[in-house]
């Protein structure tokens, strides 16, 4: 958090309010990402790549929405974190994936 704060605003300081905001927004974002993956897997089982596409596109859209204004520095700082989150979420929940429905 400190590196991102210094890189984006040039300030280096700790505040309880700022830390709680980051933790809360991270928890909400994680929950939304989990719900996206769950819904994509429940609703789009017929074509195996569909849940993956339906998970990553909204996840990327939500990330870009949260990065207003979008600039190169913010993309370099946050997109790898979101990609790591998405990859870990898919990897850890892979065994719970339902097989495609029989035609």
PDB file of N, CA and C in Angstrom:
ATOM      1  N   UNK A   1       0.827  -1.187   0.000  1.00  0.00           N
ATOM      2  CA  UNK A   1       0.000   0.000   0.000  1.00  0.00           C
ATOM      3  C   UNK A   1       0.876   1.257   0.000  1.00  0.00           C
ATOM      4  N   UNK A   2       1.937   1.198   0.769  1.00  0.00           N
ATOM      5  CA  UNK A   2       2.794   2.379   0.876  1.00  0.00           C
ATOM      6  C   UNK A   2       3.469   2.698  -0.453  1.00  0.00           C
ATOM      7  N   UNK A   3       3.943   1.690  -1.150  1.00  0.00           N
ATOM      8  CA  UNK A   3       4.596   1.900  -2.447  1.00  0.00           C
ATOM      9  C   UNK A   3       3.613   2.496  -3.440  1.00  0.00           C
ATOM     10  N   UNK A   4       2.395   1.983  -3.475  1.00  0.00           N
ATOM     11  CA  UNK A   4       1.375   2.500  -4.394  1.00  0.00           C
ATOM     12  C   UNK A   4       1.021   3.934  -4.040  1.00  0.00           C
ATOM     13  N   UNK A   5       0.885   4.232  -2.756  1.00  0.00           N
ATOM     14  CA  UNK A   5       0.566   5.603  -2.336  1.00  0.00           C
ATOM     15  C   UNK A   5       1.673   6.569  -2.722  1.00  0.00           C
ATOM     16  N   UNK A   6       2.914   6.180  -2.514  1.00  0.00           N
ATOM     17  CA  UNK A   6       4.022   7.063  -2.871  1.00  0.00           C
ATOM     18  C   UNK A   6       4.130   7.238  -4.380  1.00  0.00           C
ATOM     19  N   UNK A   7       3.874   6.173  -5.128  1.00  0.00           N
ATOM     20  CA  UNK A   7       3.986   6.254  -6.587  1.00  0.00           C
ATOM     21  C   UNK A   7       2.870   7.085  -7.198  1.00  0.00           C
ATOM     22  N   UNK A   8       1.666   7.009  -6.638  1.00  0.00           N
ATOM     23  CA  UNK A   8       0.540   7.710  -7.257  1.00  0.00           C
ATOM     24  C   UNK A   8       0.341   9.127  -6.734  1.00  0.00           C
ATOM     25  N   UNK A   9       0.570   9.357  -5.450  1.00  0.00           N
ATOM     26  CA  UNK A   9       0.307  10.689  -4.893  1.00  0.00           C
ATOM     27  C   UNK A   9       1.553  11.391  -4.383  1.00  0.00           C
ATOM     28  N   UNK A  10       2.622  10.651  -4.187  1.00  0.00           N
ATOM     29  CA  UNK A  10       3.840  11.262  -3.672  1.00  0.00           C
ATOM     30  C   UNK A  10       3.840  11.457  -2.174  1.00  0.00           C
ATOM     31  N   UNK A  11       2.795  11.019  -1.492  1.00  0.00           N
ATOM     32  CA  UNK A  11       2.743  11.150  -0.037  1.00  0.00           C
ATOM     33  C   UNK A  11       3.076   9.820   0.606  1.00  0.00           C
ATOM     34  N   UNK A  12       3.732   9.881   1.715  1.00  0.00           N
ATOM     35  CA  UNK A  12       4.024   8.650   2.443  1.00  0.00           C
ATOM     36  C   UNK A  12       3.575   8.851   3.882  1.00  0.00           C
ATOM     37  N   UNK A  13       2.526   8.240   4.207  1.00  0.00           N
ATOM     38  CA  UNK A  13       2.012   8.352   5.565  1.00  0.00           C
ATOM     39  C   UNK A  13       1.052   7.203   5.836  1.00  0.00           C
ATOM     40  N   UNK A  14       0.826   6.977   7.097  1.00  0.00           N
ATOM     41  CA  UNK A  14      -0.078   5.920   7.505  1.00  0.00           C
ATOM     42  C   UNK A  14      -1.267   6.555   8.203  1.00  0.00           C
ATOM     43  N   UNK A  15      -2.454   6.068   7.815  1.00  0.00           N
ATOM     44  CA  UNK A  15      -3.644   6.491   8.537  1.00  0.00           C
ATOM     45  C   UNK A  15      -4.556   5.289   8.689  1.00  0.00           C
ATOM     46  N   UNK A  16      -5.182   5.203   9.817  1.00  0.00           N
ATOM     47  CA  UNK A  16      -6.085   4.094  10.065  1.00  0.00           C
ATOM     48  C   UNK A  16      -7.253   4.122   9.083  1.00  0.00           C
ATOM     49  N   UNK A  17      -7.767   5.308   8.813  1.00  0.00           N
ATOM     50  CA  UNK A  17      -8.879   5.435   7.873  1.00  0.00           C
ATOM     51  C   UNK A  17      -8.500   4.972   6.473  1.00  0.00           C
ATOM     52  N   UNK A  18      -7.314   5.341   6.021  1.00  0.00           N
ATOM     53  CA  UNK A  18      -6.865   4.918   4.697  1.00  0.00           C
ATOM     54  C   UNK A  18      -6.664   3.423   4.618  1.00  0.00           C
ATOM     55  N   UNK A  19      -6.079   2.835   5.654  1.00  0.00           N
ATOM     56  CA  UNK A  19      -5.866   1.397   5.688  1.00  0.00           C
ATOM     57  C   UNK A  19      -7.195   0.645   5.707  1.00  0.00           C
ATOM     58  N   UNK A  20      -8.133   1.096   6.527  1.00  0.00           N
ATOM     59  CA  UNK A  20      -9.436   0.432   6.586  1.00  0.00           C
ATOM     60  C   UNK A  20     -10.185   0.562   5.263  1.00  0.00           C
ATOM     61  N   UNK A  21     -10.025   1.683   4.586  1.00  0.00           N
ATOM     62  CA  UNK A  21     -10.658   1.857   3.280  1.00  0.00           C
ATOM     63  C   UNK A  21     -10.108   0.848   2.287  1.00  0.00           C
ATOM     64  N   UNK A  22      -8.788   0.699   2.254  1.00  0.00           N
ATOM     65  CA  UNK A  22      -8.165  -0.250   1.330  1.00  0.00           C
ATOM     66  C   UNK A  22      -8.595  -1.683   1.653  1.00  0.00           C
ATOM     67  N   UNK A  23      -8.598  -2.034   2.922  1.00  0.00           N
ATOM     68  CA  UNK A  23      -8.995  -3.386   3.325  1.00  0.00           C
ATOM     69  C   UNK A  23     -10.466  -3.632   2.974  1.00  0.00           C
ATOM     70  N   UNK A  24     -11.333  -2.678   3.262  1.00  0.00           N
ATOM     71  CA  UNK A  24     -12.756  -2.835   2.962  1.00  0.00           C
ATOM     72  C   UNK A  24     -12.993  -2.959   1.460  1.00  0.00           C
ATOM     73  N   UNK A  25     -12.389  -2.075   0.678  1.00  0.00           N
ATOM     74  CA  UNK A  25     -12.579  -2.136  -0.777  1.00  0.00           C
ATOM     75  C   UNK A  25     -11.987  -3.411  -1.357  1.00  0.00           C
ATOM     76  N   UNK A  26     -10.889  -3.891  -0.787  1.00  0.00           N
ATOM     77  CA  UNK A  26     -10.318  -5.165  -1.230  1.00  0.00           C
ATOM     78  C   UNK A  26     -11.251  -6.334  -0.939  1.00  0.00           C
ATOM     79  N   UNK A  27     -11.865  -6.330   0.234  1.00  0.00           N
ATOM     80  CA  UNK A  27     -12.800  -7.398   0.589  1.00  0.00           C
ATOM     81  C   UNK A  27     -14.040  -7.371  -0.294  1.00  0.00           C
ATOM     82  N   UNK A  28     -14.565  -6.182  -0.542  1.00  0.00           N
ATOM     83  CA  UNK A  28     -15.742  -6.059  -1.414  1.00  0.00           C
ATOM     84  C   UNK A  28     -15.394  -6.478  -2.844  1.00  0.00           C
ATOM     85  N   UNK A  29     -14.248  -6.045  -3.329  1.00  0.00           N
ATOM     86  CA  UNK A  29     -13.824  -6.421  -4.676  1.00  0.00           C
ATOM     87  C   UNK A  29     -13.622  -7.927  -4.789  1.00  0.00           C
ATOM     88  N   UNK A  30     -13.032  -8.535  -3.780  1.00  0.00           N
ATOM     89  CA  UNK A  30     -12.840  -9.980  -3.779  1.00  0.00           C
ATOM     90  C   UNK A  30     -14.165 -10.733  -3.778  1.00  0.00           C
ATOM     91  N   UNK A  31     -15.115 -10.254  -2.994  1.00  0.00           N
ATOM     92  CA  UNK A  31     -16.434 -10.885  -2.955  1.00  0.00           C
ATOM     93  C   UNK A  31     -17.146 -10.764  -4.306  1.00  0.00           C
ATOM     94  N   UNK A  32     -17.052  -9.597  -4.920  1.00  0.00           N
ATOM     95  CA  UNK A  32     -17.662  -9.406  -6.243  1.00  0.00           C
ATOM     96  C   UNK A  32     -16.998 -10.320  -7.265  1.00  0.00           C
ATOM     97  N   UNK A  33     -15.680 -10.431  -7.209  1.00  0.00           N
ATOM     98  CA  UNK A  33     -14.971 -11.335  -8.120  1.00  0.00           C
ATOM     99  C   UNK A  33     -15.398 -12.784  -7.924  1.00  0.00           C
ATOM    100  N   UNK A  34     -15.540 -13.205  -6.676  1.00  0.00           N
ATOM    101  CA  UNK A  34     -16.007 -14.564  -6.408  1.00  0.00           C
ATOM    102  C   UNK A  34     -17.416 -14.805  -6.916  1.00  0.00           C
ATOM    103  N   UNK A  35     -18.294 -13.834  -6.721  1.00  0.00           N
ATOM    104  CA  UNK A  35     -19.661 -13.959  -7.233  1.00  0.00           C
ATOM    105  C   UNK A  35     -19.690 -14.002  -8.758  1.00  0.00           C
ATOM    106  N   UNK A  36     -18.850 -13.197  -9.399  1.00  0.00           N
ATOM    107  CA  UNK A  36     -18.763 -13.238 -10.865  1.00  0.00           C
ATOM    108  C   UNK A  36     -18.375 -14.627 -11.350  1.00  0.00           C
ATOM    109  N   UNK A  37     -17.369 -15.213 -10.710  1.00  0.00           N
ATOM    110  CA  UNK A  37     -16.925 -16.548 -11.114  1.00  0.00           C
ATOM    111  C   UNK A  37     -18.008 -17.587 -10.849  1.00  0.00           C
ATOM    112  N   UNK A  38     -18.655 -17.513  -9.713  1.00  0.00           N
ATOM    113  CA  UNK A  38     -19.719 -18.457  -9.387  1.00  0.00           C
ATOM    114  C   UNK A  38     -20.875 -18.360 -10.377  1.00  0.00           C
ATOM    115  N   UNK A  39     -21.325 -17.150 -10.661  1.00  0.00           N
ATOM    116  CA  UNK A  39     -22.422 -16.971 -11.617  1.00  0.00           C
ATOM    117  C   UNK A  39     -22.034 -17.419 -13.015  1.00  0.00           C
ATOM    118  N   UNK A  40     -20.829 -17.099 -13.431  1.00  0.00           N
ATOM    119  CA  UNK A  40     -20.378 -17.507 -14.763  1.00  0.00           C
ATOM    120  C   UNK A  40     -20.349 -19.017 -14.882  1.00  0.00           C
ATOM    121  N   UNK A  41     -19.892 -19.692 -13.847  1.00  0.00           N
ATOM    122  CA  UNK A  41     -19.827 -21.160 -13.907  1.00  0.00           C
ATOM    123  C   UNK A  41     -21.214 -21.792 -13.831  1.00  0.00           C
ATOM    124  N   UNK A  42     -22.133 -21.169 -13.097  1.00  0.00           N
ATOM    125  CA  UNK A  42     -23.481 -21.730 -12.984  1.00  0.00           C
ATOM    126  C   UNK A  42     -24.279 -21.550 -14.274  1.00  0.00           C
ATOM    127  N   UNK A  43     -24.165 -20.387 -14.888  1.00  0.00           N
ATOM    128  CA  UNK A  43     -25.026 -20.053 -16.011  1.00  0.00           C
ATOM    129  C   UNK A  43     -24.472 -20.449 -17.374  1.00  0.00           C
ATOM    130  N   UNK A  44     -23.180 -20.644 -17.492  1.00  0.00           N
ATOM    131  CA  UNK A  44     -22.570 -20.851 -18.802  1.00  0.00           C
ATOM    132  C   UNK A  44     -21.782 -22.161 -18.863  1.00  0.00           C
ATOM    133  N   UNK A  45     -22.429 -23.253 -18.568  1.00  0.00           N
ATOM    134  CA  UNK A  45     -21.729 -24.535 -18.512  1.00  0.00           C
ATOM    135  C   UNK A  45     -21.644 -25.247 -19.849  1.00  0.00           C
ATOM    136  N   UNK A  46     -22.462 -24.879 -20.811  1.00  0.00           N
ATOM    137  CA  UNK A  46     -22.503 -25.627 -22.071  1.00  0.00           C
ATOM    138  C   UNK A  46     -21.231 -25.483 -22.903  1.00  0.00           C
ATOM    139  N   UNK A  47     -20.621 -24.332 -22.904  1.00  0.00           N
ATOM    140  CA  UNK A  47     -19.400 -24.090 -23.669  1.00  0.00           C
ATOM    141  C   UNK A  47     -18.281 -23.820 -22.674  1.00  0.00           C
ATOM    142  N   UNK A  48     -17.334 -24.730 -22.494  1.00  0.00           N
ATOM    143  CA  UNK A  48     -16.345 -24.616 -21.422  1.00  0.00           C
ATOM    144  C   UNK A  48     -15.578 -23.290 -21.346  1.00  0.00           C
ATOM    145  N   UNK A  49     -15.194 -22.635 -22.455  1.00  0.00           N
ATOM    146  CA  UNK A  49     -14.488 -21.354 -22.291  1.00  0.00           C
ATOM    147  C   UNK A  49     -15.386 -20.196 -21.847  1.00  0.00           C
ATOM    148  N   UNK A  50     -16.686 -20.333 -21.963  1.00  0.00           N
ATOM    149  CA  UNK A  50     -17.606 -19.226 -21.663  1.00  0.00           C
ATOM    150  C   UNK A  50     -17.492 -18.724 -20.222  1.00  0.00           C
ATOM    151  N   UNK A  51     -17.441 -19.585 -19.210  1.00  0.00           N
ATOM    152  CA  UNK A  51     -17.317 -19.051 -17.845  1.00  0.00           C
ATOM    153  C   UNK A  51     -16.033 -18.256 -17.634  1.00  0.00           C
ATOM    154  N   UNK A  52     -14.960 -18.685 -18.264  1.00  0.00           N
ATOM    155  CA  UNK A  52     -13.699 -17.962 -18.127  1.00  0.00           C
ATOM    156  C   UNK A  52     -13.803 -16.578 -18.747  1.00  0.00           C
ATOM    157  N   UNK A  53     -14.361 -16.496 -19.950  1.00  0.00           N
ATOM    158  CA  UNK A  53     -14.529 -15.213 -20.618  1.00  0.00           C
ATOM    159  C   UNK A  53     -15.494 -14.327 -19.833  1.00  0.00           C
ATOM    160  N   UNK A  54     -16.585 -14.924 -19.357  1.00  0.00           N
ATOM    161  CA  UNK A  54     -17.595 -14.166 -18.611  1.00  0.00           C
ATOM    162  C   UNK A  54     -17.081 -13.738 -17.235  1.00  0.00           C
ATOM    163  N   UNK A  55     -16.026 -14.333 -16.751  1.00  0.00           N
ATOM    164  CA  UNK A  55     -15.407 -13.909 -15.497  1.00  0.00           C
ATOM    165  C   UNK A  55     -14.394 -12.788 -15.741  1.00  0.00           C
ATOM    166  N   UNK A  56     -13.520 -12.964 -16.722  1.00  0.00           N
ATOM    167  CA  UNK A  56     -12.426 -12.023 -16.927  1.00  0.00           C
ATOM    168  C   UNK A  56     -12.873 -10.686 -17.507  1.00  0.00           C
ATOM    169  N   UNK A  57     -13.843 -10.674 -18.407  1.00  0.00           N
ATOM    170  CA  UNK A  57     -14.277  -9.403 -18.997  1.00  0.00           C
ATOM    171  C   UNK A  57     -14.880  -8.454 -17.959  1.00  0.00           C
ATOM    172  N   UNK A  58     -15.839  -8.882 -17.133  1.00  0.00           N
ATOM    173  CA  UNK A  58     -16.343  -7.968 -16.095  1.00  0.00           C
ATOM    174  C   UNK A  58     -15.283  -7.609 -15.049  1.00  0.00           C
ATOM    175  N   UNK A  59     -14.393  -8.553 -14.742  1.00  0.00           N
ATOM    176  CA  UNK A  59     -13.334  -8.262 -13.782  1.00  0.00           C
ATOM    177  C   UNK A  59     -12.424  -7.149 -14.311  1.00  0.00           C
ATOM    178  N   UNK A  60     -12.077  -7.221 -15.573  1.00  0.00           N
ATOM    179  CA  UNK A  60     -11.269  -6.164 -16.186  1.00  0.00           C
ATOM    180  C   UNK A  60     -12.043  -4.852 -16.252  1.00  0.00           C
ATOM    181  N   UNK A  61     -13.321  -4.914 -16.602  1.00  0.00           N
ATOM    182  CA  UNK A  61     -14.140  -3.697 -16.680  1.00  0.00           C
ATOM    183  C   UNK A  61     -14.264  -3.030 -15.311  1.00  0.00           C
ATOM    184  N   UNK A  62     -14.483  -3.815 -14.262  1.00  0.00           N
ATOM    185  CA  UNK A  62     -14.568  -3.250 -12.914  1.00  0.00           C
ATOM    186  C   UNK A  62     -13.236  -2.641 -12.472  1.00  0.00           C
ATOM    187  N   UNK A  63     -12.151  -3.281 -12.855  1.00  0.00           N
ATOM    188  CA  UNK A  63     -10.831  -2.750 -12.515  1.00  0.00           C
ATOM    189  C   UNK A  63     -10.607  -1.407 -13.192  1.00  0.00           C
ATOM    190  N   UNK A  64     -10.904  -1.330 -14.476  1.00  0.00           N
ATOM    191  CA  UNK A  64     -10.717  -0.072 -15.197  1.00  0.00           C
ATOM    192  C   UNK A  64     -11.647   1.010 -14.666  1.00  0.00           C
ATOM    193  N   UNK A  65     -12.831   0.630 -14.248  1.00  0.00           N
ATOM    194  CA  UNK A  65     -13.783   1.591 -13.658  1.00  0.00           C
ATOM    195  C   UNK A  65     -13.241   2.156 -12.355  1.00  0.00           C
ATOM    196  N   UNK A  66     -12.601   1.315 -11.577  1.00  0.00           N
ATOM    197  CA  UNK A  66     -12.046   1.760 -10.300  1.00  0.00           C
ATOM    198  C   UNK A  66     -10.764   2.560 -10.423  1.00  0.00           C
ATOM    199  N   UNK A  67     -10.119   2.507 -11.566  1.00  0.00           N
ATOM    200  CA  UNK A  67      -8.848   3.200 -11.750  1.00  0.00           C
ATOM    201  C   UNK A  67      -9.003   4.582 -12.364  1.00  0.00           C
ATOM    202  N   UNK A  68     -10.152   5.197 -12.192  1.00  0.00           N
ATOM    203  CA  UNK A  68     -10.343   6.523 -12.783  1.00  0.00           C
ATOM    204  C   UNK A  68      -9.461   7.537 -12.106  1.00  0.00           C
ATOM    205  N   UNK A  69      -8.753   8.346 -12.807  1.00  0.00           N
ATOM    206  CA  UNK A  69      -8.479   8.289 -14.233  1.00  0.00           C
ATOM    207  C   UNK A  69      -7.480   7.180 -14.541  1.00  0.00           C
ATOM    208  N   UNK A  70      -7.663   6.536 -15.670  1.00  0.00           N
ATOM    209  CA  UNK A  70      -6.765   5.458 -16.079  1.00  0.00           C
ATOM    210  C   UNK A  70      -5.510   6.084 -16.677  1.00  0.00           C
ATOM    211  N   UNK A  71      -4.383   5.741 -16.102  1.00  0.00           N
ATOM    212  CA  UNK A  71      -3.107   6.171 -16.666  1.00  0.00           C
ATOM    213  C   UNK A  71      -2.133   4.995 -16.609  1.00  0.00           C
ATOM    214  N   UNK A  72      -0.980   5.177 -17.207  1.00  0.00           N
ATOM    215  CA  UNK A  72      -0.021   4.086 -17.328  1.00  0.00           C
ATOM    216  C   UNK A  72       0.448   3.582 -15.966  1.00  0.00           C
ATOM    217  N   UNK A  73       0.710   4.473 -15.043  1.00  0.00           N
ATOM    218  CA  UNK A  73       1.193   4.068 -13.723  1.00  0.00           C
ATOM    219  C   UNK A  73       0.164   3.214 -12.994  1.00  0.00           C
ATOM    220  N   UNK A  74      -1.075   3.643 -12.990  1.00  0.00           N
ATOM    221  CA  UNK A  74      -2.121   2.867 -12.310  1.00  0.00           C
ATOM    222  C   UNK A  74      -2.323   1.513 -12.969  1.00  0.00           C
ATOM    223  N   UNK A  75      -2.271   1.468 -14.289  1.00  0.00           N
ATOM    224  CA  UNK A  75      -2.384   0.183 -14.977  1.00  0.00           C
ATOM    225  C   UNK A  75      -1.237  -0.750 -14.579  1.00  0.00           C
ATOM    226  N   UNK A  76      -0.024  -0.220 -14.537  1.00  0.00           N
ATOM    227  CA  UNK A  76       1.129  -1.046 -14.173  1.00  0.00           C
ATOM    228  C   UNK A  76       1.069  -1.515 -12.722  1.00  0.00           C
ATOM    229  N   UNK A  77       0.448  -0.739 -11.844  1.00  0.00           N
ATOM    230  CA  UNK A  77       0.376  -1.121 -10.436  1.00  0.00           C
ATOM    231  C   UNK A  77      -0.770  -2.072 -10.125  1.00  0.00           C
ATOM    232  N   UNK A  78      -1.932  -1.867 -10.754  1.00  0.00           N
ATOM    233  CA  UNK A  78      -3.118  -2.605 -10.331  1.00  0.00           C
ATOM    234  C   UNK A  78      -3.507  -3.778 -11.228  1.00  0.00           C
ATOM    235  N   UNK A  79      -3.278  -3.694 -12.515  1.00  0.00           N
ATOM    236  CA  UNK A  79      -3.692  -4.791 -13.397  1.00  0.00           C
ATOM    237  C   UNK A  79      -2.969  -6.099 -13.043  1.00  0.00           C
ATOM    238  N   UNK A  80      -1.671  -6.095 -12.736  1.00  0.00           N
ATOM    239  CA  UNK A  80      -1.054  -7.358 -12.304  1.00  0.00           C
ATOM    240  C   UNK A  80      -1.669  -7.918 -11.019  1.00  0.00           C
ATOM    241  N   UNK A  81      -2.066  -7.046 -10.093  1.00  0.00           N
ATOM    242  CA  UNK A  81      -2.700  -7.528  -8.863  1.00  0.00           C
ATOM    243  C   UNK A  81      -4.050  -8.181  -9.152  1.00  0.00           C
ATOM    244  N   UNK A  82      -4.823  -7.573 -10.035  1.00  0.00           N
ATOM    245  CA  UNK A  82      -6.127  -8.134 -10.405  1.00  0.00           C
ATOM    246  C   UNK A  82      -5.932  -9.435 -11.176  1.00  0.00           C
ATOM    247  N   UNK A  83      -4.945  -9.486 -12.055  1.00  0.00           N
ATOM    248  CA  UNK A  83      -4.670 -10.716 -12.809  1.00  0.00           C
ATOM    249  C   UNK A  83      -4.253 -11.837 -11.860  1.00  0.00           C
ATOM    250  N   UNK A  84      -3.435 -11.514 -10.873  1.00  0.00           N
ATOM    251  CA  UNK A  84      -3.030 -12.517  -9.885  1.00  0.00           C
ATOM    252  C   UNK A  84      -4.232 -12.999  -9.077  1.00  0.00           C
ATOM    253  N   UNK A  85      -5.091 -12.068  -8.652  1.00  0.00           N
ATOM    254  CA  UNK A  85      -6.306 -12.441  -7.929  1.00  0.00           C
ATOM    255  C   UNK A  85      -7.178 -13.374  -8.772  1.00  0.00           C
ATOM    256  N   UNK A  86      -7.435 -12.999 -10.017  1.00  0.00           N
ATOM    257  CA  UNK A  86      -8.288 -13.817 -10.886  1.00  0.00           C
ATOM    258  C   UNK A  86      -7.709 -15.185 -11.141  1.00  0.00           C
ATOM    259  N   UNK A  87      -6.406 -15.249 -11.397  1.00  0.00           N
ATOM    260  CA  UNK A  87      -5.760 -16.538 -11.660  1.00  0.00           C
ATOM    261  C   UNK A  87      -5.791 -17.431 -10.416  1.00  0.00           C
ATOM    262  N   UNK A  88      -5.502 -16.857  -9.258  1.00  0.00           N
ATOM    263  CA  UNK A  88      -5.551 -17.645  -8.022  1.00  0.00           C
ATOM    264  C   UNK A  88      -6.963 -18.116  -7.703  1.00  0.00           C
ATOM    265  N   UNK A  89      -7.947 -17.262  -7.928  1.00  0.00           N
ATOM    266  CA  UNK A  89      -9.334 -17.644  -7.670  1.00  0.00           C
ATOM    267  C   UNK A  89      -9.753 -18.788  -8.590  1.00  0.00           C
ATOM    268  N   UNK A  90      -9.420 -18.701  -9.856  1.00  0.00           N
ATOM    269  CA  UNK A  90      -9.778 -19.784 -10.770  1.00  0.00           C
ATOM    270  C   UNK A  90      -9.025 -21.060 -10.427  1.00  0.00           C
ATOM    271  N   UNK A  91      -7.764 -20.944 -10.096  1.00  0.00           N
ATOM    272  CA  UNK A  91      -6.964 -22.120  -9.773  1.00  0.00           C
ATOM    273  C   UNK A  91      -7.467 -22.811  -8.504  1.00  0.00           C
ATOM    274  N   UNK A  92      -7.766 -22.033  -7.468  1.00  0.00           N
ATOM    275  CA  UNK A  92      -8.201 -22.617  -6.197  1.00  0.00           C
ATOM    276  C   UNK A  92      -9.616 -23.191  -6.250  1.00  0.00           C
ATOM    277  N   UNK A  93     -10.423 -22.714  -7.181  1.00  0.00           N
ATOM    278  CA  UNK A  93     -11.796 -23.214  -7.273  1.00  0.00           C
ATOM    279  C   UNK A  93     -11.975 -24.185  -8.432  1.00  0.00           C
ATOM    280  N   UNK A  94     -10.916 -24.578  -9.080  1.00  0.00           N
ATOM    281  CA  UNK A  94     -11.005 -25.442 -10.255  1.00  0.00           C
ATOM    282  C   UNK A  94     -11.679 -26.770  -9.933  1.00  0.00           C
ATOM    283  N   UNK A  95     -11.409 -27.339  -8.794  1.00  0.00           N
ATOM    284  CA  UNK A  95     -11.973 -28.653  -8.455  1.00  0.00           C
ATOM    285  C   UNK A  95     -13.477 -28.597  -8.204  1.00  0.00           C
ATOM    286  N   UNK A  96     -14.011 -27.401  -7.956  1.00  0.00           N
ATOM    287  CA  UNK A  96     -15.442 -27.257  -7.723  1.00  0.00           C
ATOM    288  C   UNK A  96     -16.229 -26.968  -8.996  1.00  0.00           C
ATOM    289  N   UNK A  97     -15.540 -26.886 -10.132  1.00  0.00           N
ATOM    290  CA  UNK A  97     -16.177 -26.580 -11.400  1.00  0.00           C
ATOM    291  C   UNK A  97     -17.040 -27.763 -11.808  1.00  0.00           C
ATOM    292  N   UNK A  98     -18.249 -27.450 -12.247  1.00  0.00           N
ATOM    293  CA  UNK A  98     -19.165 -28.490 -12.711  1.00  0.00           C
ATOM    294  C   UNK A  98     -18.847 -28.827 -14.160  1.00  0.00           C
ATOM    295  N   UNK A  99     -18.963 -30.104 -14.516  1.00  0.00           N
ATOM    296  CA  UNK A  99     -18.724 -30.470 -15.911  1.00  0.00           C
ATOM    297  C   UNK A  99     -19.830 -29.922 -16.809  1.00  0.00           C
ATOM    298  N   UNK A 100     -19.556 -29.747 -18.123  1.00  0.00           N
ATOM    299  CA  UNK A 100     -20.597 -29.280 -19.033  1.00  0.00           C
ATOM    300  C   UNK A 100     -21.792 -30.225 -19.055  1.00  0.00           C
ATOM    301  N   UNK A 101     -22.963 -29.673 -19.318  1.00  0.00           N
ATOM    302  CA  UNK A 101     -24.160 -30.499 -19.407  1.00  0.00           C
ATOM    303  C   UNK A 101     -24.117 -31.355 -20.661  1.00  0.00           C
ATOM    304  N   UNK A 102     -24.651 -32.569 -20.540  1.00  0.00           N
ATOM    305  CA  UNK A 102     -24.720 -33.454 -21.709  1.00  0.00           C
ATOM    306  C   UNK A 102     -25.741 -32.923 -22.699  1.00  0.00           C
ATOM    307  N   UNK A 103     -25.413 -33.045 -23.966  1.00  0.00           N
ATOM    308  CA  UNK A 103     -26.307 -32.506 -24.997  1.00  0.00           C
ATOM    309  C   UNK A 103     -27.496 -33.402 -25.238  1.00  0.00           C
TER     310      UNK A 103
END
